[in-house]
Amino acid sequence: MLFVWWEIKTEKPVLDMKLFINNRVFAFSNLAALINYSATFAVGFLLSLYLQYMKTLGPQSAGLILVAQPIMMAIFSPFAGRLSDRFEPRVIASAGMALTAVSLSLFIFLNEKTGLEYIIASLILLGFGLALFSSPNANAVMSSVERKFYGVASAMLATMRLVGQMLSMGITMMIFAIYIGKVQITPQYFSLFLTSLRISFIIFAVLCFGGIFASLARGKVR
């Protein structure tokens, strides 16, 4: 708060707070990015543990399954970016956030008998949702500021990404600490691991659901 107060008062701020105060699109687009990364970054970590512990897969096999998400993002992100140049980015980004929330909700139902097909399909949906959100949201951030603020806008978006990633892992580690504690995950703790997994995904799904409204609240870019 002291930093914000100082940046508002000083004549030459490091970070011009007017970008947030007077620019609704910029402020809510960054908030949406923060929520999205907070809700999704730990997914790979959680599923890698699930696949290795519960499905007894090796690290290489688990990694091959998890790569379904980034492949979908690589395929559809350029398309989503071009689409956001023609249509309102908040609509496309909000649809992506909604699909992400649905995919995170699907992971809540993971158990010992869940098939790999279910996991791969959920990852594909997650990757598609992230593709629809990421590029249009970045487009909205960069389009909402003047050219002289491009560097600041890009840096702020990167900050939201990194802070969101830390929050995502922090939430996961907190849940693990509460339900599992300082023990090695062995078969006797698998039930507690699954409980932690479900609670983490419930929190992430709720976060992402709230992110839909943050994404819609940004208003029109054009």
C-alpha atoms as a PDB file:
ATOM      1  CA  MET A   1       0.000   0.000   0.000  1.00  0.00           C
ATOM      2  CA  LEU A   2       2.896   2.356   0.793  1.00  0.00           C
ATOM      3  CA  PHE A   3       4.341   1.691  -2.664  1.00  0.00           C
ATOM      4  CA  VAL A   4       0.996   2.464  -4.329  1.00  0.00           C
ATOM      5  CA  TRP A   5       0.593   5.667  -2.291  1.00  0.00           C
ATOM      6  CA  TRP A   6       4.103   6.816  -3.177  1.00  0.00           C
ATOM      7  CA  GLU A   7       3.709   6.038  -6.865  1.00  0.00           C
ATOM      8  CA  ILE A   8       0.481   8.051  -6.972  1.00  0.00           C
ATOM      9  CA  LYS A   9       2.084  11.041  -5.230  1.00  0.00           C
ATOM     10  CA  THR A  10       5.434  11.232  -7.029  1.00  0.00           C
ATOM     11  CA  GLU A  11       5.847  13.157 -10.285  1.00  0.00           C
ATOM     12  CA  LYS A  12       7.966  10.460 -11.953  1.00  0.00           C
ATOM     13  CA  PRO A  13       6.660   7.078 -10.785  1.00  0.00           C
ATOM     14  CA  VAL A  14       8.348   3.769 -11.488  1.00  0.00           C
ATOM     15  CA  LEU A  15       4.899   2.359 -12.208  1.00  0.00           C
ATOM     16  CA  ASP A  16       2.248   4.817 -13.349  1.00  0.00           C
ATOM     17  CA  MET A  17      -0.751   3.850 -11.197  1.00  0.00           C
ATOM     18  CA  LYS A  18      -3.039   5.802 -13.526  1.00  0.00           C
ATOM     19  CA  LEU A  19      -2.784   2.816 -15.848  1.00  0.00           C
ATOM     20  CA  PHE A  20      -4.857   0.918 -13.274  1.00  0.00           C
ATOM     21  CA  ILE A  21      -6.994   3.748 -11.902  1.00  0.00           C
ATOM     22  CA  ASN A  22      -8.059   5.288 -15.211  1.00  0.00           C
ATOM     23  CA  ASN A  23      -7.837   2.254 -17.491  1.00  0.00           C
ATOM     24  CA  ARG A  24     -10.499  -0.356 -16.697  1.00  0.00           C
ATOM     25  CA  VAL A  25      -9.438  -2.667 -19.531  1.00  0.00           C
ATOM     26  CA  PHE A  26      -5.821  -2.712 -18.397  1.00  0.00           C
ATOM     27  CA  ALA A  27      -6.662  -3.256 -14.723  1.00  0.00           C
ATOM     28  CA  PHE A  28      -9.171  -6.080 -15.168  1.00  0.00           C
ATOM     29  CA  SER A  29      -7.186  -7.786 -17.923  1.00  0.00           C
ATOM     30  CA  ASN A  30      -4.216  -8.029 -15.570  1.00  0.00           C
ATOM     31  CA  LEU A  31      -6.480  -9.230 -12.760  1.00  0.00           C
ATOM     32  CA  ALA A  32      -7.893 -11.901 -15.063  1.00  0.00           C
ATOM     33  CA  ALA A  33      -4.354 -13.006 -15.947  1.00  0.00           C
ATOM     34  CA  LEU A  34      -3.427 -13.216 -12.259  1.00  0.00           C
ATOM     35  CA  ILE A  35      -6.473 -15.366 -11.505  1.00  0.00           C
ATOM     36  CA  ASN A  36      -5.927 -17.599 -14.518  1.00  0.00           C
ATOM     37  CA  TYR A  37      -2.305 -18.394 -13.689  1.00  0.00           C
ATOM     38  CA  SER A  38      -3.176 -18.826  -9.999  1.00  0.00           C
ATOM     39  CA  ALA A  39      -5.749 -21.425 -10.958  1.00  0.00           C
ATOM     40  CA  THR A  40      -3.807 -23.374 -13.569  1.00  0.00           C
ATOM     41  CA  PHE A  41      -0.049 -23.359 -12.975  1.00  0.00           C
ATOM     42  CA  ALA A  42      -0.064 -26.130 -10.344  1.00  0.00           C
ATOM     43  CA  VAL A  43      -2.144 -28.464 -12.521  1.00  0.00           C
ATOM     44  CA  GLY A  44       0.925 -30.012 -14.137  1.00  0.00           C
ATOM     45  CA  PHE A  45       2.532 -30.560 -10.738  1.00  0.00           C
ATOM     46  CA  LEU A  46      -0.567 -32.188  -9.243  1.00  0.00           C
ATOM     47  CA  LEU A  47      -1.252 -34.416 -12.229  1.00  0.00           C
ATOM     48  CA  SER A  48       2.365 -35.517 -12.493  1.00  0.00           C
ATOM     49  CA  LEU A  49       2.173 -36.771  -8.898  1.00  0.00           C
ATOM     50  CA  TYR A  50      -1.202 -38.373  -9.529  1.00  0.00           C
ATOM     51  CA  LEU A  51      -0.031 -40.195 -12.646  1.00  0.00           C
ATOM     52  CA  GLN A  52       3.117 -41.482 -10.969  1.00  0.00           C
ATOM     53  CA  TYR A  53       1.643 -42.420  -7.593  1.00  0.00           C
ATOM     54  CA  MET A  54      -1.917 -43.464  -8.423  1.00  0.00           C
ATOM     55  CA  LYS A  55      -1.466 -44.784 -11.989  1.00  0.00           C
ATOM     56  CA  THR A  56       2.093 -46.099 -11.384  1.00  0.00           C
ATOM     57  CA  LEU A  57       3.446 -44.444 -14.534  1.00  0.00           C
ATOM     58  CA  GLY A  58       7.073 -43.524 -14.987  1.00  0.00           C
ATOM     59  CA  PRO A  59       8.139 -39.866 -15.284  1.00  0.00           C
ATOM     60  CA  GLN A  60       8.494 -40.143 -19.070  1.00  0.00           C
ATOM     61  CA  SER A  61       5.032 -41.659 -19.564  1.00  0.00           C
ATOM     62  CA  ALA A  62       3.455 -39.114 -17.222  1.00  0.00           C
ATOM     63  CA  GLY A  63       5.163 -36.310 -19.125  1.00  0.00           C
ATOM     64  CA  LEU A  64       3.885 -37.611 -22.470  1.00  0.00           C
ATOM     65  CA  ILE A  65       0.329 -37.460 -21.138  1.00  0.00           C
ATOM     66  CA  LEU A  66       0.740 -33.972 -19.685  1.00  0.00           C
ATOM     67  CA  VAL A  67       2.086 -32.633 -22.976  1.00  0.00           C
ATOM     68  CA  ALA A  68      -1.489 -32.816 -24.354  1.00  0.00           C
ATOM     69  CA  GLN A  69      -2.200 -29.420 -22.780  1.00  0.00           C
ATOM     70  CA  PRO A  70       0.709 -27.379 -24.230  1.00  0.00           C
ATOM     71  CA  ILE A  71       0.206 -28.994 -27.636  1.00  0.00           C
ATOM     72  CA  MET A  72      -3.359 -27.688 -27.705  1.00  0.00           C
ATOM     73  CA  MET A  73      -2.144 -24.264 -26.638  1.00  0.00           C
ATOM     74  CA  ALA A  74       0.523 -24.223 -29.353  1.00  0.00           C
ATOM     75  CA  ILE A  75      -2.034 -25.149 -31.994  1.00  0.00           C
ATOM     76  CA  PHE A  76      -4.868 -22.794 -31.044  1.00  0.00           C
ATOM     77  CA  SER A  77      -3.151 -19.773 -29.436  1.00  0.00           C
ATOM     78  CA  PRO A  78      -2.194 -18.159 -32.787  1.00  0.00           C
ATOM     79  CA  PHE A  79      -5.742 -18.714 -34.042  1.00  0.00           C
ATOM     80  CA  ALA A  80      -7.208 -17.181 -30.871  1.00  0.00           C
ATOM     81  CA  GLY A  81      -4.873 -14.200 -31.165  1.00  0.00           C
ATOM     82  CA  ARG A  82      -5.949 -13.515 -34.747  1.00  0.00           C
ATOM     83  CA  LEU A  83      -9.593 -13.966 -33.744  1.00  0.00           C
ATOM     84  CA  SER A  84      -9.210 -11.336 -31.021  1.00  0.00           C
ATOM     85  CA  ASP A  85      -7.987  -8.864 -33.652  1.00  0.00           C
ATOM     86  CA  ARG A  86     -11.342  -9.187 -35.406  1.00  0.00           C
ATOM     87  CA  PHE A  87     -13.715  -9.581 -32.471  1.00  0.00           C
ATOM     88  CA  GLU A  88     -13.907  -8.222 -28.931  1.00  0.00           C
ATOM     89  CA  PRO A  89     -11.067  -9.839 -26.899  1.00  0.00           C
ATOM     90  CA  ARG A  90     -13.071  -9.940 -23.653  1.00  0.00           C
ATOM     91  CA  VAL A  91     -15.640 -12.296 -25.213  1.00  0.00           C
ATOM     92  CA  ILE A  92     -13.024 -14.755 -26.471  1.00  0.00           C
ATOM     93  CA  ALA A  93     -10.899 -14.532 -23.310  1.00  0.00           C
ATOM     94  CA  SER A  94     -13.947 -14.988 -21.086  1.00  0.00           C
ATOM     95  CA  ALA A  95     -15.016 -18.048 -23.084  1.00  0.00           C
ATOM     96  CA  GLY A  96     -11.510 -19.421 -22.606  1.00  0.00           C
ATOM     97  CA  MET A  97     -11.701 -18.763 -18.862  1.00  0.00           C
ATOM     98  CA  ALA A  98     -15.055 -20.567 -18.730  1.00  0.00           C
ATOM     99  CA  LEU A  99     -13.658 -23.616 -20.551  1.00  0.00           C
ATOM    100  CA  THR A 100     -10.689 -23.601 -18.189  1.00  0.00           C
ATOM    101  CA  ALA A 101     -13.046 -23.582 -15.200  1.00  0.00           C
ATOM    102  CA  VAL A 102     -14.946 -26.549 -16.665  1.00  0.00           C
ATOM    103  CA  SER A 103     -11.749 -28.522 -17.258  1.00  0.00           C
ATOM    104  CA  LEU A 104     -10.546 -27.840 -13.702  1.00  0.00           C
ATOM    105  CA  SER A 105     -13.924 -29.031 -12.409  1.00  0.00           C
ATOM    106  CA  LEU A 106     -13.420 -32.318 -14.250  1.00  0.00           C
ATOM    107  CA  PHE A 107     -10.200 -32.957 -12.327  1.00  0.00           C
ATOM    108  CA  ILE A 108     -12.114 -32.809  -9.040  1.00  0.00           C
ATOM    109  CA  PHE A 109     -13.504 -36.283  -9.768  1.00  0.00           C
ATOM    110  CA  LEU A 110     -10.133 -38.021 -10.135  1.00  0.00           C
ATOM    111  CA  ASN A 111      -9.805 -41.260  -8.170  1.00  0.00           C
ATOM    112  CA  GLU A 112      -7.843 -44.505  -8.247  1.00  0.00           C
ATOM    113  CA  LYS A 113      -9.929 -45.903 -11.123  1.00  0.00           C
ATOM    114  CA  THR A 114     -10.018 -42.850 -13.388  1.00  0.00           C
ATOM    115  CA  GLY A 115      -9.011 -43.799 -16.925  1.00  0.00           C
ATOM    116  CA  LEU A 116      -6.151 -42.128 -18.764  1.00  0.00           C
ATOM    117  CA  GLU A 117      -8.580 -41.197 -21.553  1.00  0.00           C
ATOM    118  CA  TYR A 118     -10.529 -39.027 -19.104  1.00  0.00           C
ATOM    119  CA  ILE A 119      -7.344 -37.275 -17.981  1.00  0.00           C
ATOM    120  CA  ILE A 120      -6.117 -36.664 -21.538  1.00  0.00           C
ATOM    121  CA  ALA A 121      -9.534 -35.337 -22.623  1.00  0.00           C
ATOM    122  CA  SER A 122      -9.599 -32.975 -19.638  1.00  0.00           C
ATOM    123  CA  LEU A 123      -6.073 -31.777 -20.454  1.00  0.00           C
ATOM    124  CA  ILE A 124      -7.059 -31.160 -24.072  1.00  0.00           C
ATOM    125  CA  LEU A 125     -10.020 -29.070 -22.898  1.00  0.00           C
ATOM    126  CA  LEU A 126      -7.744 -27.201 -20.478  1.00  0.00           C
ATOM    127  CA  GLY A 127      -5.223 -26.480 -23.221  1.00  0.00           C
ATOM    128  CA  PHE A 128      -7.964 -25.218 -25.536  1.00  0.00           C
ATOM    129  CA  GLY A 129      -9.373 -22.986 -22.785  1.00  0.00           C
ATOM    130  CA  LEU A 130      -5.950 -21.540 -21.991  1.00  0.00           C
ATOM    131  CA  ALA A 131      -5.315 -20.893 -25.682  1.00  0.00           C
ATOM    132  CA  LEU A 132      -8.582 -18.976 -25.995  1.00  0.00           C
ATOM    133  CA  PHE A 133      -7.769 -16.933 -22.895  1.00  0.00           C
ATOM    134  CA  SER A 134      -4.046 -16.168 -23.076  1.00  0.00           C
ATOM    135  CA  SER A 135      -3.587 -14.582 -26.492  1.00  0.00           C
ATOM    136  CA  PRO A 136      -6.790 -12.455 -26.469  1.00  0.00           C
ATOM    137  CA  ASN A 137      -6.082 -11.329 -22.908  1.00  0.00           C
ATOM    138  CA  ALA A 138      -2.550 -10.267 -23.841  1.00  0.00           C
ATOM    139  CA  ASN A 139      -4.021  -8.520 -26.869  1.00  0.00           C
ATOM    140  CA  ALA A 140      -6.437  -6.640 -24.605  1.00  0.00           C
ATOM    141  CA  VAL A 141      -3.633  -5.535 -22.266  1.00  0.00           C
ATOM    142  CA  MET A 142      -1.390  -4.255 -25.053  1.00  0.00           C
ATOM    143  CA  SER A 143      -4.247  -2.638 -26.978  1.00  0.00           C
ATOM    144  CA  SER A 144      -5.471  -0.726 -23.930  1.00  0.00           C
ATOM    145  CA  VAL A 145      -2.357   1.453 -23.563  1.00  0.00           C
ATOM    146  CA  GLU A 146      -0.487   3.970 -25.690  1.00  0.00           C
ATOM    147  CA  ARG A 147       2.620   2.882 -27.547  1.00  0.00           C
ATOM    148  CA  LYS A 148       4.915   4.543 -24.988  1.00  0.00           C
ATOM    149  CA  PHE A 149       3.519   2.233 -22.275  1.00  0.00           C
ATOM    150  CA  TYR A 150       4.054  -1.032 -24.184  1.00  0.00           C
ATOM    151  CA  GLY A 151       7.100  -1.951 -22.080  1.00  0.00           C
ATOM    152  CA  VAL A 152       5.252  -1.300 -18.816  1.00  0.00           C
ATOM    153  CA  ALA A 153       2.187  -3.226 -19.995  1.00  0.00           C
ATOM    154  CA  SER A 154       4.256  -6.225 -21.062  1.00  0.00           C
ATOM    155  CA  ALA A 155       6.206  -6.196 -17.788  1.00  0.00           C
ATOM    156  CA  MET A 156       3.006  -5.971 -15.727  1.00  0.00           C
ATOM    157  CA  LEU A 157       1.493  -8.920 -17.594  1.00  0.00           C
ATOM    158  CA  ALA A 158       4.654 -10.923 -16.926  1.00  0.00           C
ATOM    159  CA  THR A 159       4.457  -9.933 -13.252  1.00  0.00           C
ATOM    160  CA  MET A 160       0.858 -11.164 -13.050  1.00  0.00           C
ATOM    161  CA  ARG A 161       1.989 -14.447 -14.590  1.00  0.00           C
ATOM    162  CA  LEU A 162       4.818 -14.994 -12.121  1.00  0.00           C
ATOM    163  CA  VAL A 163       2.804 -13.913  -9.080  1.00  0.00           C
ATOM    164  CA  GLY A 164      -0.045 -16.168 -10.201  1.00  0.00           C
ATOM    165  CA  GLN A 165       2.323 -19.104 -10.571  1.00  0.00           C
ATOM    166  CA  MET A 166       3.667 -18.561  -7.055  1.00  0.00           C
ATOM    167  CA  LEU A 167       0.158 -18.299  -5.640  1.00  0.00           C
ATOM    168  CA  SER A 168      -0.876 -21.488  -7.426  1.00  0.00           C
ATOM    169  CA  MET A 169       2.001 -23.482  -5.966  1.00  0.00           C
ATOM    170  CA  GLY A 170       1.534 -21.799  -2.600  1.00  0.00           C
ATOM    171  CA  ILE A 171      -2.106 -22.876  -2.435  1.00  0.00           C
ATOM    172  CA  THR A 172      -1.153 -26.429  -3.378  1.00  0.00           C
ATOM    173  CA  MET A 173       1.638 -26.663  -0.815  1.00  0.00           C
ATOM    174  CA  MET A 174      -0.631 -25.250   1.881  1.00  0.00           C
ATOM    175  CA  ILE A 175      -3.278 -27.900   1.146  1.00  0.00           C
ATOM    176  CA  PHE A 176      -0.613 -30.623   1.171  1.00  0.00           C
ATOM    177  CA  ALA A 177       0.763 -29.360   4.479  1.00  0.00           C
ATOM    178  CA  ILE A 178      -2.696 -29.354   6.063  1.00  0.00           C
ATOM    179  CA  TYR A 179      -3.857 -32.780   4.865  1.00  0.00           C
ATOM    180  CA  ILE A 180      -0.669 -34.791   4.316  1.00  0.00           C
ATOM    181  CA  GLY A 181       1.967 -33.096   6.437  1.00  0.00           C
ATOM    182  CA  LYS A 182       5.717 -33.622   6.320  1.00  0.00           C
ATOM    183  CA  VAL A 183       5.700 -37.221   5.132  1.00  0.00           C
ATOM    184  CA  GLN A 184       6.701 -39.051   1.992  1.00  0.00           C
ATOM    185  CA  ILE A 185       3.709 -39.939  -0.170  1.00  0.00           C
ATOM    186  CA  THR A 186       3.440 -43.719   0.214  1.00  0.00           C
ATOM    187  CA  PRO A 187       0.439 -46.024  -0.368  1.00  0.00           C
ATOM    188  CA  GLN A 188      -0.799 -45.471   3.188  1.00  0.00           C
ATOM    189  CA  TYR A 189      -1.175 -41.750   2.426  1.00  0.00           C
ATOM    190  CA  PHE A 190      -2.807 -42.121  -0.997  1.00  0.00           C
ATOM    191  CA  SER A 191      -6.284 -41.348   0.351  1.00  0.00           C
ATOM    192  CA  LEU A 192      -5.008 -38.122   1.906  1.00  0.00           C
ATOM    193  CA  PHE A 193      -3.211 -37.297  -1.333  1.00  0.00           C
ATOM    194  CA  LEU A 194      -6.455 -37.694  -3.299  1.00  0.00           C
ATOM    195  CA  THR A 195      -8.275 -35.506  -0.775  1.00  0.00           C
ATOM    196  CA  SER A 196      -5.617 -32.816  -1.181  1.00  0.00           C
ATOM    197  CA  LEU A 197      -5.870 -33.159  -4.949  1.00  0.00           C
ATOM    198  CA  ARG A 198      -9.647 -32.691  -4.941  1.00  0.00           C
ATOM    199  CA  ILE A 199      -9.577 -29.710  -2.599  1.00  0.00           C
ATOM    200  CA  SER A 200      -6.866 -28.036  -4.678  1.00  0.00           C
ATOM    201  CA  PHE A 201      -8.892 -28.459  -7.855  1.00  0.00           C
ATOM    202  CA  ILE A 202     -12.051 -27.213  -6.138  1.00  0.00           C
ATOM    203  CA  ILE A 203     -10.210 -24.039  -5.115  1.00  0.00           C
ATOM    204  CA  PHE A 204      -8.753 -23.618  -8.608  1.00  0.00           C
ATOM    205  CA  ALA A 205     -12.130 -24.162 -10.293  1.00  0.00           C
ATOM    206  CA  VAL A 206     -13.785 -21.579  -8.023  1.00  0.00           C
ATOM    207  CA  LEU A 207     -10.950 -19.129  -8.688  1.00  0.00           C
ATOM    208  CA  CYS A 208     -11.324 -19.605 -12.417  1.00  0.00           C
ATOM    209  CA  PHE A 209     -15.100 -19.202 -12.206  1.00  0.00           C
ATOM    210  CA  GLY A 210     -14.555 -15.861 -10.474  1.00  0.00           C
ATOM    211  CA  GLY A 211     -12.060 -15.001 -13.181  1.00  0.00           C
ATOM    212  CA  ILE A 212     -14.838 -15.131 -15.770  1.00  0.00           C
ATOM    213  CA  PHE A 213     -16.444 -12.079 -14.171  1.00  0.00           C
ATOM    214  CA  ALA A 214     -13.103 -10.276 -13.912  1.00  0.00           C
ATOM    215  CA  SER A 215     -12.563 -10.953 -17.610  1.00  0.00           C
ATOM    216  CA  LEU A 216     -16.029  -9.696 -18.547  1.00  0.00           C
ATOM    217  CA  ALA A 217     -15.732  -6.633 -16.286  1.00  0.00           C
ATOM    218  CA  ARG A 218     -12.825  -5.219 -18.313  1.00  0.00           C
ATOM    219  CA  GLY A 219     -15.234  -3.660 -20.817  1.00  0.00           C
ATOM    220  CA  LYS A 220     -14.703  -3.204 -24.525  1.00  0.00           C
ATOM    221  CA  VAL A 221     -11.273  -2.737 -26.025  1.00  0.00           C
ATOM    222  CA  ARG A 222     -12.671  -1.376 -29.268  1.00  0.00           C
END
